[in-house]
Amino acid sequence: MHTTVTIPKPLYRKIKKFIKGTGFTSVSSFVTYILRQIMSSSYEKNKKELFSEEDEKKIKERLRALGYI
C-alpha cells in the first residue's frame, strides 16, 4: 500500500539532482529509504514505547468515548 506525501518543488528538484547516478530510480524511493533510516535509528536509540502507559490510557479513553473501542 502506498500513499502520497507532498514536499516543496525546490526540495524535489534538489533531491532529483542529488540521486542522479545513484542506485535510486526515483525521488520517492530515495525519500522512502531516508525515512526508513531515520525511523529505524530513532527507534534503536530510544527503544522506548511511543506512548507512556498514561498516554495510552488517555488515547483509549478518547477512542472509547468516540465509539471506536
N, C-alpha and C. Protein backbone atom coordinates (compact mmCIF):
# COMPACT_ATOMS: atom_id res chain seq x y z
N MET A 1 0.84 -1.16 0.00
CA MET A 1 0.00 0.00 0.00
C MET A 1 0.90 1.24 0.00
N HIS A 2 0.53 2.21 -0.77
CA HIS A 2 1.28 3.46 -0.86
C HIS A 2 0.35 4.64 -0.61
N THR A 3 0.96 5.74 -0.24
CA THR A 3 0.23 6.98 -0.06
C THR A 3 1.07 8.10 -0.66
N THR A 4 0.51 9.26 -0.75
CA THR A 4 1.22 10.39 -1.33
C THR A 4 1.58 11.38 -0.23
N VAL A 5 2.81 11.84 -0.27
CA VAL A 5 3.28 12.88 0.64
C VAL A 5 3.81 14.01 -0.23
N THR A 6 3.43 15.22 0.09
CA THR A 6 3.89 16.34 -0.73
C THR A 6 5.10 17.00 -0.08
N ILE A 7 6.01 17.42 -0.94
CA ILE A 7 7.19 18.17 -0.50
C ILE A 7 7.31 19.38 -1.42
N PRO A 8 7.98 20.42 -0.97
CA PRO A 8 8.15 21.60 -1.83
C PRO A 8 8.90 21.24 -3.12
N LYS A 9 8.51 21.86 -4.21
CA LYS A 9 9.14 21.57 -5.51
C LYS A 9 10.65 21.84 -5.52
N PRO A 10 11.12 22.93 -4.88
CA PRO A 10 12.58 23.12 -4.87
C PRO A 10 13.32 21.95 -4.20
N LEU A 11 12.74 21.41 -3.13
CA LEU A 11 13.35 20.26 -2.47
C LEU A 11 13.32 19.04 -3.38
N TYR A 12 12.21 18.84 -4.05
CA TYR A 12 12.10 17.73 -5.01
C TYR A 12 13.20 17.81 -6.07
N ARG A 13 13.39 19.02 -6.61
CA ARG A 13 14.41 19.20 -7.65
C ARG A 13 15.82 18.94 -7.10
N LYS A 14 16.08 19.39 -5.87
CA LYS A 14 17.39 19.15 -5.26
C LYS A 14 17.65 17.65 -5.08
N ILE A 15 16.63 16.95 -4.60
CA ILE A 15 16.77 15.50 -4.40
C ILE A 15 16.98 14.81 -5.74
N LYS A 16 16.22 15.23 -6.74
CA LYS A 16 16.35 14.62 -8.07
C LYS A 16 17.78 14.75 -8.59
N LYS A 17 18.38 15.95 -8.42
CA LYS A 17 19.77 16.15 -8.83
C LYS A 17 20.71 15.30 -7.99
N PHE A 18 20.45 15.25 -6.69
CA PHE A 18 21.30 14.54 -5.74
C PHE A 18 21.39 13.05 -6.05
N ILE A 19 20.27 12.45 -6.46
CA ILE A 19 20.25 10.99 -6.67
C ILE A 19 20.71 10.58 -8.06
N LYS A 20 20.94 11.56 -8.92
CA LYS A 20 21.40 11.25 -10.28
C LYS A 20 22.69 10.44 -10.20
N GLY A 21 22.71 9.32 -10.90
CA GLY A 21 23.90 8.48 -10.93
C GLY A 21 24.00 7.53 -9.75
N THR A 22 23.01 7.54 -8.87
CA THR A 22 23.00 6.59 -7.76
C THR A 22 22.08 5.43 -8.13
N GLY A 23 21.89 4.52 -7.22
CA GLY A 23 21.01 3.39 -7.47
C GLY A 23 19.54 3.71 -7.29
N PHE A 24 19.24 4.93 -6.88
CA PHE A 24 17.85 5.30 -6.66
C PHE A 24 17.20 5.64 -8.00
N THR A 25 16.04 5.04 -8.23
CA THR A 25 15.37 5.23 -9.51
C THR A 25 14.37 6.37 -9.49
N SER A 26 14.06 6.87 -8.29
CA SER A 26 13.09 7.96 -8.19
C SER A 26 13.29 8.72 -6.89
N VAL A 27 12.75 9.92 -6.86
CA VAL A 27 12.78 10.73 -5.64
C VAL A 27 12.03 9.99 -4.54
N SER A 28 10.92 9.39 -4.92
CA SER A 28 10.10 8.65 -3.95
C SER A 28 10.89 7.52 -3.29
N SER A 29 11.63 6.76 -4.07
CA SER A 29 12.40 5.65 -3.49
C SER A 29 13.49 6.17 -2.55
N PHE A 30 14.11 7.29 -2.91
CA PHE A 30 15.13 7.88 -2.04
C PHE A 30 14.53 8.38 -0.74
N VAL A 31 13.42 9.11 -0.83
CA VAL A 31 12.77 9.65 0.36
C VAL A 31 12.31 8.51 1.27
N THR A 32 11.76 7.46 0.68
CA THR A 32 11.35 6.29 1.47
C THR A 32 12.54 5.69 2.19
N TYR A 33 13.65 5.54 1.49
CA TYR A 33 14.87 5.00 2.09
C TYR A 33 15.33 5.86 3.27
N ILE A 34 15.39 7.16 3.08
CA ILE A 34 15.84 8.07 4.13
C ILE A 34 14.91 8.02 5.33
N LEU A 35 13.61 8.04 5.09
CA LEU A 35 12.66 7.99 6.20
C LEU A 35 12.76 6.68 6.98
N ARG A 36 12.96 5.58 6.27
CA ARG A 36 13.15 4.29 6.96
C ARG A 36 14.41 4.33 7.83
N GLN A 37 15.48 4.91 7.30
CA GLN A 37 16.72 5.01 8.08
C GLN A 37 16.52 5.84 9.33
N ILE A 38 15.85 6.97 9.19
CA ILE A 38 15.61 7.86 10.34
C ILE A 38 14.74 7.17 11.37
N MET A 39 13.67 6.54 10.92
CA MET A 39 12.76 5.87 11.85
C MET A 39 13.46 4.72 12.55
N SER A 40 14.26 3.98 11.82
CA SER A 40 14.96 2.85 12.40
C SER A 40 15.98 3.31 13.43
N SER A 41 16.77 4.31 13.10
CA SER A 41 17.79 4.78 14.03
C SER A 41 17.15 5.45 15.24
N SER A 42 16.06 6.14 15.02
CA SER A 42 15.36 6.78 16.13
C SER A 42 14.81 5.73 17.08
N TYR A 43 14.23 4.68 16.53
CA TYR A 43 13.70 3.60 17.37
C TYR A 43 14.82 2.91 18.12
N GLU A 44 15.91 2.65 17.46
CA GLU A 44 17.04 1.97 18.10
C GLU A 44 17.63 2.80 19.23
N LYS A 45 17.72 4.12 19.02
CA LYS A 45 18.28 4.99 20.05
C LYS A 45 17.39 5.03 21.28
N ASN A 46 16.10 5.15 21.04
CA ASN A 46 15.18 5.32 22.16
C ASN A 46 14.72 4.00 22.76
N LYS A 47 14.42 3.04 21.89
CA LYS A 47 13.87 1.76 22.33
C LYS A 47 12.86 1.94 23.44
N LYS A 48 12.09 2.97 23.30
CA LYS A 48 11.04 3.26 24.26
C LYS A 48 9.71 3.06 23.56
N GLU A 49 8.69 2.96 24.36
CA GLU A 49 7.35 2.93 23.79
C GLU A 49 7.06 4.32 23.25
N LEU A 50 6.27 4.37 22.21
CA LEU A 50 5.92 5.66 21.64
C LEU A 50 5.08 6.48 22.60
N PHE A 51 4.25 5.80 23.38
CA PHE A 51 3.39 6.47 24.33
C PHE A 51 3.62 5.88 25.71
N SER A 52 3.55 6.73 26.72
CA SER A 52 3.61 6.23 28.08
C SER A 52 2.33 5.47 28.36
N GLU A 53 2.30 4.73 29.46
CA GLU A 53 1.09 3.99 29.82
C GLU A 53 -0.07 4.96 30.03
N GLU A 54 0.23 6.11 30.62
CA GLU A 54 -0.82 7.11 30.87
C GLU A 54 -1.34 7.68 29.56
N ASP A 55 -0.42 7.97 28.61
CA ASP A 55 -0.83 8.46 27.29
C ASP A 55 -1.73 7.44 26.61
N GLU A 56 -1.32 6.19 26.66
CA GLU A 56 -2.10 5.13 26.03
C GLU A 56 -3.49 5.03 26.66
N LYS A 57 -3.55 5.16 27.97
CA LYS A 57 -4.84 5.10 28.67
C LYS A 57 -5.75 6.25 28.22
N LYS A 58 -5.18 7.45 28.12
CA LYS A 58 -5.96 8.61 27.68
C LYS A 58 -6.46 8.44 26.25
N ILE A 59 -5.61 7.92 25.39
CA ILE A 59 -5.99 7.71 24.00
C ILE A 59 -7.12 6.69 23.92
N LYS A 60 -7.00 5.60 24.66
CA LYS A 60 -8.05 4.59 24.66
C LYS A 60 -9.36 5.15 25.19
N GLU A 61 -9.28 5.98 26.23
CA GLU A 61 -10.49 6.60 26.78
C GLU A 61 -11.17 7.49 25.73
N ARG A 62 -10.37 8.25 25.01
CA ARG A 62 -10.92 9.13 23.97
C ARG A 62 -11.56 8.32 22.84
N LEU A 63 -10.86 7.26 22.43
CA LEU A 63 -11.40 6.40 21.38
C LEU A 63 -12.69 5.72 21.83
N ARG A 64 -12.73 5.30 23.09
CA ARG A 64 -13.93 4.69 23.65
C ARG A 64 -15.09 5.70 23.65
N ALA A 65 -14.79 6.92 24.06
CA ALA A 65 -15.82 7.97 24.12
C ALA A 65 -16.35 8.29 22.73
N LEU A 66 -15.50 8.14 21.71
CA LEU A 66 -15.92 8.40 20.34
C LEU A 66 -16.59 7.18 19.70
N GLY A 67 -16.59 6.07 20.42
CA GLY A 67 -17.23 4.87 19.92
C GLY A 67 -16.37 3.97 19.05
N TYR A 68 -15.08 4.20 19.03
CA TYR A 68 -14.19 3.38 18.23
C TYR A 68 -13.77 2.10 18.93
N ILE A 69 -13.86 2.12 20.25
CA ILE A 69 -13.48 0.93 21.03
C ILE A 69 -14.70 0.49 21.82
